[in-house]
Amino acid sequence: MPRPPPPTHWKLRFLYVGTSDIARDVKFYCDVLGAKLVWCFHSFGADVAAVSLGEGPPLLLADHMAAPSCELIFEVKDLDATTAALKGRGWKGEGEPFEIPNGPCVVFLDPSGNRIALFEDIRPGAMESSYADDGNERAVR
């Protein structure tokens, strides 16, 4: 039976955090906690903002996620190989694979129902470069 890559090959890249008021929460993280706004977009009927508090992964504040909630998003080097190895050990994804700006992604639940996502970063810096584009109408400044 194939074994999944050791977790040391998984990199925690984002914490996906639900928000009930994105403007209020971005203001709190930036003005009160001193976070840096990395990017903010309104797209497909949802608002999502990335804020960085320093070392570690940025928080992705998302109004289409229930609040309170936090989903861990890990980068893996090869999503197909990782999920094939995990399936060999009884792992089951939640729904179908989908795309995020950085690349393909899958979501699964741990035994307690916590959501965890794995993605392969085939488009590094996709959100940062889109936010830097002054002509991007979806960027919220």
N, C-alpha and C. Protein backbone atom coordinates (compact mmCIF):
# COMPACT_ATOMS: atom_id res chain seq x y z
N MET A 1 0.85 -1.17 0.00
CA MET A 1 0.00 0.00 0.00
C MET A 1 0.90 1.24 0.00
N PRO A 2 0.67 2.19 -0.95
CA PRO A 2 1.52 3.39 -0.99
C PRO A 2 1.29 4.26 0.24
N ARG A 3 2.36 4.83 0.71
CA ARG A 3 2.27 5.71 1.87
C ARG A 3 2.25 7.17 1.40
N PRO A 4 1.51 8.03 2.10
CA PRO A 4 1.53 9.45 1.71
C PRO A 4 2.88 10.06 2.03
N PRO A 5 3.22 11.13 1.32
CA PRO A 5 4.45 11.83 1.71
C PRO A 5 4.35 12.24 3.16
N PRO A 6 5.47 12.19 3.88
CA PRO A 6 5.42 12.58 5.30
C PRO A 6 4.90 14.01 5.43
N PRO A 7 4.21 14.31 6.52
CA PRO A 7 3.70 15.67 6.69
C PRO A 7 4.76 16.75 6.59
N THR A 8 6.03 16.41 6.81
CA THR A 8 7.08 17.41 6.69
C THR A 8 7.18 17.92 5.26
N HIS A 9 6.56 17.21 4.30
CA HIS A 9 6.54 17.68 2.92
C HIS A 9 5.30 18.53 2.63
N TRP A 10 4.46 18.69 3.62
CA TRP A 10 3.31 19.57 3.50
C TRP A 10 3.68 20.90 4.14
N LYS A 11 3.30 21.98 3.50
CA LYS A 11 3.62 23.30 4.04
C LYS A 11 2.32 24.04 4.30
N LEU A 12 2.10 24.46 5.55
CA LEU A 12 0.91 25.23 5.88
C LEU A 12 1.05 26.60 5.23
N ARG A 13 0.19 26.90 4.25
CA ARG A 13 0.31 28.13 3.47
C ARG A 13 -0.71 29.19 3.83
N PHE A 14 -1.93 28.76 4.19
CA PHE A 14 -2.99 29.73 4.50
C PHE A 14 -3.87 29.21 5.63
N LEU A 15 -4.43 30.13 6.38
CA LEU A 15 -5.50 29.83 7.33
C LEU A 15 -6.74 30.55 6.79
N TYR A 16 -7.73 29.79 6.37
CA TYR A 16 -8.95 30.31 5.74
C TYR A 16 -9.96 30.56 6.84
N VAL A 17 -10.23 31.83 7.13
CA VAL A 17 -11.01 32.23 8.30
C VAL A 17 -12.34 32.85 7.86
N GLY A 18 -13.43 32.37 8.42
CA GLY A 18 -14.73 32.93 8.12
C GLY A 18 -14.91 34.31 8.75
N THR A 19 -15.66 35.17 8.06
CA THR A 19 -15.96 36.49 8.58
C THR A 19 -17.41 36.83 8.30
N SER A 20 -18.04 37.52 9.24
CA SER A 20 -19.41 37.99 9.03
C SER A 20 -19.43 39.46 8.58
N ASP A 21 -18.27 40.13 8.61
CA ASP A 21 -18.16 41.52 8.17
C ASP A 21 -16.69 41.76 7.80
N ILE A 22 -16.40 41.63 6.51
CA ILE A 22 -14.99 41.66 6.09
C ILE A 22 -14.34 43.02 6.34
N ALA A 23 -15.05 44.11 6.07
CA ALA A 23 -14.46 45.44 6.27
C ALA A 23 -14.09 45.64 7.74
N ARG A 24 -15.00 45.26 8.63
CA ARG A 24 -14.74 45.38 10.08
C ARG A 24 -13.55 44.53 10.48
N ASP A 25 -13.50 43.28 9.99
CA ASP A 25 -12.43 42.38 10.40
C ASP A 25 -11.08 42.79 9.82
N VAL A 26 -11.04 43.25 8.56
CA VAL A 26 -9.77 43.73 7.99
C VAL A 26 -9.28 44.92 8.81
N LYS A 27 -10.18 45.83 9.14
CA LYS A 27 -9.81 47.00 9.96
C LYS A 27 -9.25 46.55 11.31
N PHE A 28 -9.89 45.58 11.95
CA PHE A 28 -9.41 45.07 13.23
C PHE A 28 -8.01 44.48 13.10
N TYR A 29 -7.82 43.59 12.12
CA TYR A 29 -6.51 42.95 11.98
C TYR A 29 -5.42 43.96 11.65
N CYS A 30 -5.74 44.94 10.79
CA CYS A 30 -4.72 45.92 10.39
C CYS A 30 -4.52 47.02 11.44
N ASP A 31 -5.61 47.64 11.89
CA ASP A 31 -5.49 48.80 12.78
C ASP A 31 -5.20 48.41 14.23
N VAL A 32 -5.81 47.33 14.70
CA VAL A 32 -5.65 46.95 16.10
C VAL A 32 -4.46 46.01 16.29
N LEU A 33 -4.40 44.96 15.44
CA LEU A 33 -3.33 43.96 15.61
C LEU A 33 -2.06 44.29 14.83
N GLY A 34 -2.12 45.26 13.92
CA GLY A 34 -0.94 45.67 13.16
C GLY A 34 -0.61 44.79 11.98
N ALA A 35 -1.61 44.04 11.48
CA ALA A 35 -1.39 43.18 10.31
C ALA A 35 -1.18 44.03 9.07
N LYS A 36 -0.57 43.42 8.07
CA LYS A 36 -0.39 44.05 6.77
C LYS A 36 -1.44 43.47 5.83
N LEU A 37 -2.17 44.34 5.12
CA LEU A 37 -3.10 43.88 4.09
C LEU A 37 -2.28 43.45 2.88
N VAL A 38 -2.38 42.19 2.51
CA VAL A 38 -1.62 41.66 1.37
C VAL A 38 -2.42 41.84 0.09
N TRP A 39 -3.70 41.52 0.13
CA TRP A 39 -4.61 41.73 -0.99
C TRP A 39 -6.04 41.61 -0.51
N CYS A 40 -6.96 42.14 -1.33
CA CYS A 40 -8.39 42.06 -1.03
C CYS A 40 -9.14 42.08 -2.35
N PHE A 41 -10.05 41.13 -2.53
CA PHE A 41 -10.81 41.01 -3.78
C PHE A 41 -12.28 40.81 -3.50
N HIS A 42 -13.10 41.33 -4.43
CA HIS A 42 -14.52 40.99 -4.50
C HIS A 42 -14.69 40.28 -5.84
N SER A 43 -15.04 39.01 -5.78
CA SER A 43 -15.17 38.21 -7.00
C SER A 43 -16.17 37.10 -6.78
N PHE A 44 -16.95 36.80 -7.80
CA PHE A 44 -17.94 35.72 -7.73
C PHE A 44 -18.86 35.88 -6.52
N GLY A 45 -19.21 37.13 -6.19
CA GLY A 45 -20.13 37.39 -5.11
C GLY A 45 -19.55 37.23 -3.71
N ALA A 46 -18.24 37.12 -3.60
CA ALA A 46 -17.60 36.94 -2.30
C ALA A 46 -16.47 37.94 -2.12
N ASP A 47 -16.23 38.30 -0.86
CA ASP A 47 -15.09 39.14 -0.50
C ASP A 47 -14.09 38.28 0.25
N VAL A 48 -12.83 38.36 -0.18
CA VAL A 48 -11.75 37.64 0.48
C VAL A 48 -10.55 38.58 0.59
N ALA A 49 -9.95 38.64 1.77
CA ALA A 49 -8.78 39.47 1.99
C ALA A 49 -7.70 38.64 2.67
N ALA A 50 -6.46 38.87 2.28
CA ALA A 50 -5.32 38.22 2.93
C ALA A 50 -4.63 39.26 3.80
N VAL A 51 -4.42 38.89 5.07
CA VAL A 51 -3.68 39.74 5.99
C VAL A 51 -2.54 38.92 6.59
N SER A 52 -1.43 39.60 6.81
CA SER A 52 -0.26 38.95 7.39
C SER A 52 0.05 39.57 8.73
N LEU A 53 0.20 38.72 9.73
CA LEU A 53 0.56 39.17 11.07
C LEU A 53 2.05 38.98 11.35
N GLY A 54 2.81 38.59 10.34
CA GLY A 54 4.24 38.37 10.53
C GLY A 54 4.62 36.99 10.05
N GLU A 55 5.41 36.27 10.84
CA GLU A 55 5.82 34.93 10.45
C GLU A 55 4.62 34.00 10.40
N GLY A 56 4.71 33.01 9.55
CA GLY A 56 3.62 32.06 9.42
C GLY A 56 2.72 32.42 8.26
N PRO A 57 1.72 31.58 8.03
CA PRO A 57 0.87 31.79 6.87
C PRO A 57 -0.07 32.98 7.06
N PRO A 58 -0.45 33.63 5.94
CA PRO A 58 -1.43 34.70 6.05
C PRO A 58 -2.81 34.14 6.38
N LEU A 59 -3.65 35.01 6.95
CA LEU A 59 -5.04 34.68 7.18
C LEU A 59 -5.83 35.13 5.96
N LEU A 60 -6.65 34.25 5.43
CA LEU A 60 -7.54 34.61 4.33
C LEU A 60 -8.92 34.80 4.94
N LEU A 61 -9.33 36.06 5.11
CA LEU A 61 -10.62 36.38 5.67
C LEU A 61 -11.65 36.30 4.55
N ALA A 62 -12.66 35.46 4.72
CA ALA A 62 -13.60 35.19 3.63
C ALA A 62 -15.04 35.27 4.11
N ASP A 63 -15.85 36.10 3.41
CA ASP A 63 -17.23 36.24 3.85
C ASP A 63 -18.13 35.11 3.35
N HIS A 64 -17.62 34.23 2.52
CA HIS A 64 -18.43 33.07 2.10
C HIS A 64 -18.16 31.85 3.00
N MET A 65 -17.31 32.03 3.99
CA MET A 65 -17.06 31.00 5.00
C MET A 65 -17.84 31.38 6.25
N ALA A 66 -18.44 30.39 6.89
CA ALA A 66 -19.17 30.65 8.13
C ALA A 66 -18.21 31.16 9.20
N ALA A 67 -18.68 32.11 9.99
CA ALA A 67 -17.87 32.60 11.11
C ALA A 67 -18.51 32.11 12.41
N PRO A 68 -17.78 31.65 13.37
CA PRO A 68 -16.32 31.45 13.33
C PRO A 68 -15.97 30.12 12.66
N SER A 69 -14.90 30.12 11.93
CA SER A 69 -14.35 28.89 11.35
C SER A 69 -12.92 29.16 10.92
N CYS A 70 -12.15 28.09 10.80
CA CYS A 70 -10.78 28.20 10.31
C CYS A 70 -10.42 26.90 9.61
N GLU A 71 -10.07 26.99 8.34
CA GLU A 71 -9.68 25.84 7.53
C GLU A 71 -8.18 25.94 7.26
N LEU A 72 -7.46 24.86 7.51
CA LEU A 72 -6.02 24.81 7.24
C LEU A 72 -5.83 24.47 5.77
N ILE A 73 -4.96 25.21 5.08
CA ILE A 73 -4.68 24.95 3.67
C ILE A 73 -3.19 24.67 3.53
N PHE A 74 -2.87 23.43 3.13
CA PHE A 74 -1.49 22.99 2.99
C PHE A 74 -1.11 22.90 1.52
N GLU A 75 0.12 23.31 1.21
CA GLU A 75 0.68 23.11 -0.13
C GLU A 75 1.40 21.77 -0.14
N VAL A 76 1.19 21.01 -1.21
CA VAL A 76 1.93 19.77 -1.43
C VAL A 76 2.64 19.88 -2.78
N LYS A 77 3.72 19.15 -2.93
CA LYS A 77 4.49 19.25 -4.17
C LYS A 77 3.77 18.64 -5.37
N ASP A 78 3.05 17.55 -5.15
CA ASP A 78 2.35 16.85 -6.23
C ASP A 78 0.99 16.40 -5.70
N LEU A 79 -0.05 17.14 -6.05
CA LEU A 79 -1.39 16.87 -5.50
C LEU A 79 -1.89 15.49 -5.92
N ASP A 80 -1.70 15.12 -7.18
CA ASP A 80 -2.18 13.81 -7.64
C ASP A 80 -1.50 12.67 -6.89
N ALA A 81 -0.19 12.74 -6.75
CA ALA A 81 0.54 11.68 -6.05
C ALA A 81 0.15 11.64 -4.57
N THR A 82 -0.02 12.81 -3.96
CA THR A 82 -0.39 12.85 -2.55
C THR A 82 -1.76 12.26 -2.33
N THR A 83 -2.74 12.66 -3.14
CA THR A 83 -4.09 12.13 -2.95
C THR A 83 -4.17 10.65 -3.29
N ALA A 84 -3.41 10.19 -4.29
CA ALA A 84 -3.40 8.75 -4.61
C ALA A 84 -2.86 7.96 -3.42
N ALA A 85 -1.78 8.46 -2.82
CA ALA A 85 -1.21 7.76 -1.66
C ALA A 85 -2.18 7.77 -0.48
N LEU A 86 -2.83 8.91 -0.27
CA LEU A 86 -3.79 9.00 0.84
C LEU A 86 -5.00 8.09 0.60
N LYS A 87 -5.48 8.02 -0.64
CA LYS A 87 -6.61 7.15 -0.96
C LYS A 87 -6.27 5.70 -0.66
N GLY A 88 -5.03 5.33 -0.89
CA GLY A 88 -4.58 3.97 -0.59
C GLY A 88 -4.64 3.65 0.89
N ARG A 89 -4.76 4.67 1.71
CA ARG A 89 -4.85 4.48 3.17
C ARG A 89 -6.24 4.76 3.70
N GLY A 90 -7.22 4.86 2.80
CA GLY A 90 -8.60 5.04 3.22
C GLY A 90 -9.09 6.48 3.25
N TRP A 91 -8.28 7.42 2.79
CA TRP A 91 -8.66 8.83 2.77
C TRP A 91 -9.75 9.06 1.74
N LYS A 92 -10.67 9.97 2.06
CA LYS A 92 -11.73 10.36 1.13
C LYS A 92 -11.82 11.87 1.10
N GLY A 93 -11.81 12.40 -0.12
CA GLY A 93 -11.98 13.85 -0.28
C GLY A 93 -13.42 14.24 -0.04
N GLU A 94 -13.63 15.52 0.17
CA GLU A 94 -14.96 16.09 0.37
C GLU A 94 -15.32 16.81 -0.93
N GLY A 95 -16.21 16.23 -1.72
CA GLY A 95 -16.56 16.83 -3.00
C GLY A 95 -15.49 16.56 -4.05
N GLU A 96 -15.59 17.28 -5.13
CA GLU A 96 -14.67 17.12 -6.26
C GLU A 96 -13.49 18.08 -6.14
N PRO A 97 -12.36 17.72 -6.75
CA PRO A 97 -11.24 18.68 -6.81
C PRO A 97 -11.70 19.96 -7.52
N PHE A 98 -11.09 21.08 -7.17
CA PHE A 98 -11.46 22.36 -7.76
C PHE A 98 -10.20 23.21 -7.87
N GLU A 99 -10.33 24.35 -8.50
CA GLU A 99 -9.21 25.26 -8.69
C GLU A 99 -9.32 26.44 -7.73
N ILE A 100 -8.19 26.83 -7.17
CA ILE A 100 -8.06 28.10 -6.47
C ILE A 100 -7.07 28.91 -7.31
N PRO A 101 -6.91 30.20 -7.06
CA PRO A 101 -6.00 30.97 -7.91
C PRO A 101 -4.62 30.35 -8.07
N ASN A 102 -4.08 29.72 -7.02
CA ASN A 102 -2.74 29.15 -7.11
C ASN A 102 -2.67 27.80 -7.81
N GLY A 103 -3.79 27.06 -7.92
CA GLY A 103 -3.73 25.76 -8.57
C GLY A 103 -4.81 24.82 -8.09
N PRO A 104 -4.68 23.54 -8.44
CA PRO A 104 -5.69 22.55 -8.07
C PRO A 104 -5.71 22.32 -6.56
N CYS A 105 -6.93 22.00 -6.06
CA CYS A 105 -7.13 21.90 -4.62
C CYS A 105 -8.15 20.81 -4.32
N VAL A 106 -7.98 20.15 -3.19
CA VAL A 106 -8.97 19.20 -2.67
C VAL A 106 -9.22 19.53 -1.20
N VAL A 107 -10.41 19.20 -0.75
CA VAL A 107 -10.78 19.42 0.65
C VAL A 107 -11.19 18.09 1.25
N PHE A 108 -10.87 17.89 2.52
CA PHE A 108 -11.33 16.71 3.23
C PHE A 108 -11.63 17.08 4.66
N LEU A 109 -12.30 16.17 5.35
CA LEU A 109 -12.64 16.38 6.75
C LEU A 109 -11.84 15.41 7.60
N ASP A 110 -11.36 15.89 8.74
CA ASP A 110 -10.74 14.97 9.69
C ASP A 110 -11.88 14.25 10.43
N PRO A 111 -11.58 13.27 11.27
CA PRO A 111 -12.65 12.53 11.95
C PRO A 111 -13.58 13.40 12.80
N SER A 112 -13.12 14.56 13.23
CA SER A 112 -13.98 15.45 14.02
C SER A 112 -14.75 16.44 13.18
N GLY A 113 -14.55 16.40 11.86
CA GLY A 113 -15.29 17.29 10.96
C GLY A 113 -14.58 18.58 10.61
N ASN A 114 -13.32 18.74 11.02
CA ASN A 114 -12.56 19.94 10.65
C ASN A 114 -12.14 19.85 9.18
N ARG A 115 -12.33 20.97 8.46
CA ARG A 115 -11.96 21.01 7.04
C ARG A 115 -10.46 21.28 6.89
N ILE A 116 -9.84 20.51 6.00
CA ILE A 116 -8.43 20.68 5.66
C ILE A 116 -8.34 20.65 4.15
N ALA A 117 -7.53 21.51 3.58
CA ALA A 117 -7.36 21.55 2.13
C ALA A 117 -5.90 21.29 1.77
N LEU A 118 -5.72 20.66 0.62
CA LEU A 118 -4.40 20.45 0.02
C LEU A 118 -4.42 21.07 -1.36
N PHE A 119 -3.34 21.75 -1.74
CA PHE A 119 -3.27 22.30 -3.09
C PHE A 119 -1.85 22.21 -3.61
N GLU A 120 -1.74 22.27 -4.93
CA GLU A 120 -0.44 22.30 -5.60
C GLU A 120 -0.27 23.70 -6.18
N ASP A 121 0.81 24.36 -5.83
CA ASP A 121 1.03 25.76 -6.22
C ASP A 121 1.64 25.83 -7.62
N ILE A 122 0.77 25.68 -8.63
CA ILE A 122 1.27 25.75 -10.01
C ILE A 122 1.25 27.18 -10.55
N ARG A 123 0.62 28.11 -9.81
CA ARG A 123 0.59 29.52 -10.19
C ARG A 123 1.01 30.36 -8.98
N PRO A 124 2.28 30.27 -8.58
CA PRO A 124 2.73 31.01 -7.39
C PRO A 124 2.51 32.52 -7.56
N GLY A 125 2.09 33.15 -6.49
CA GLY A 125 1.92 34.60 -6.50
C GLY A 125 0.74 35.10 -7.31
N ALA A 126 -0.19 34.22 -7.66
CA ALA A 126 -1.31 34.62 -8.52
C ALA A 126 -2.12 35.77 -7.92
N MET A 127 -2.44 35.70 -6.65
CA MET A 127 -3.26 36.73 -6.03
C MET A 127 -2.48 38.03 -5.84
N GLU A 128 -1.23 37.93 -5.43
CA GLU A 128 -0.42 39.12 -5.22
C GLU A 128 -0.24 39.91 -6.52
N SER A 129 0.04 39.20 -7.62
CA SER A 129 0.24 39.91 -8.89
C SER A 129 -1.07 40.48 -9.42
N SER A 130 -2.18 39.79 -9.18
CA SER A 130 -3.48 40.33 -9.59
C SER A 130 -3.82 41.58 -8.80
N TYR A 131 -3.49 41.59 -7.51
CA TYR A 131 -3.79 42.74 -6.67
C TYR A 131 -2.92 43.94 -7.07
N ALA A 132 -1.68 43.67 -7.50
CA ALA A 132 -0.77 44.73 -7.91
C ALA A 132 -1.19 45.35 -9.24
N ASP A 133 -2.04 44.67 -10.00
CA ASP A 133 -2.51 45.17 -11.30
C ASP A 133 -3.57 46.26 -11.06
N ASP A 134 -3.20 47.51 -11.32
CA ASP A 134 -4.12 48.63 -11.08
C ASP A 134 -5.39 48.54 -11.92
N GLY A 135 -5.35 47.78 -13.01
CA GLY A 135 -6.52 47.63 -13.86
C GLY A 135 -7.47 46.52 -13.43
N ASN A 136 -7.14 45.79 -12.37
CA ASN A 136 -7.99 44.69 -11.92
C ASN A 136 -9.20 45.26 -11.18
N GLU A 137 -10.38 45.17 -11.81
CA GLU A 137 -11.59 45.74 -11.25
C GLU A 137 -12.11 44.98 -10.04
N ARG A 138 -11.62 43.75 -9.82
CA ARG A 138 -12.07 42.96 -8.67
C ARG A 138 -11.27 43.26 -7.41
N ALA A 139 -10.14 43.93 -7.57
CA ALA A 139 -9.32 44.29 -6.41
C ALA A 139 -10.02 45.38 -5.61
N VAL A 140 -10.07 45.22 -4.30
CA VAL A 140 -10.67 46.19 -3.40
C VAL A 140 -9.53 46.94 -2.72
N ARG A 141 -9.49 48.22 -2.91
CA ARG A 141 -8.38 49.02 -2.35
C ARG A 141 -8.88 50.01 -1.33
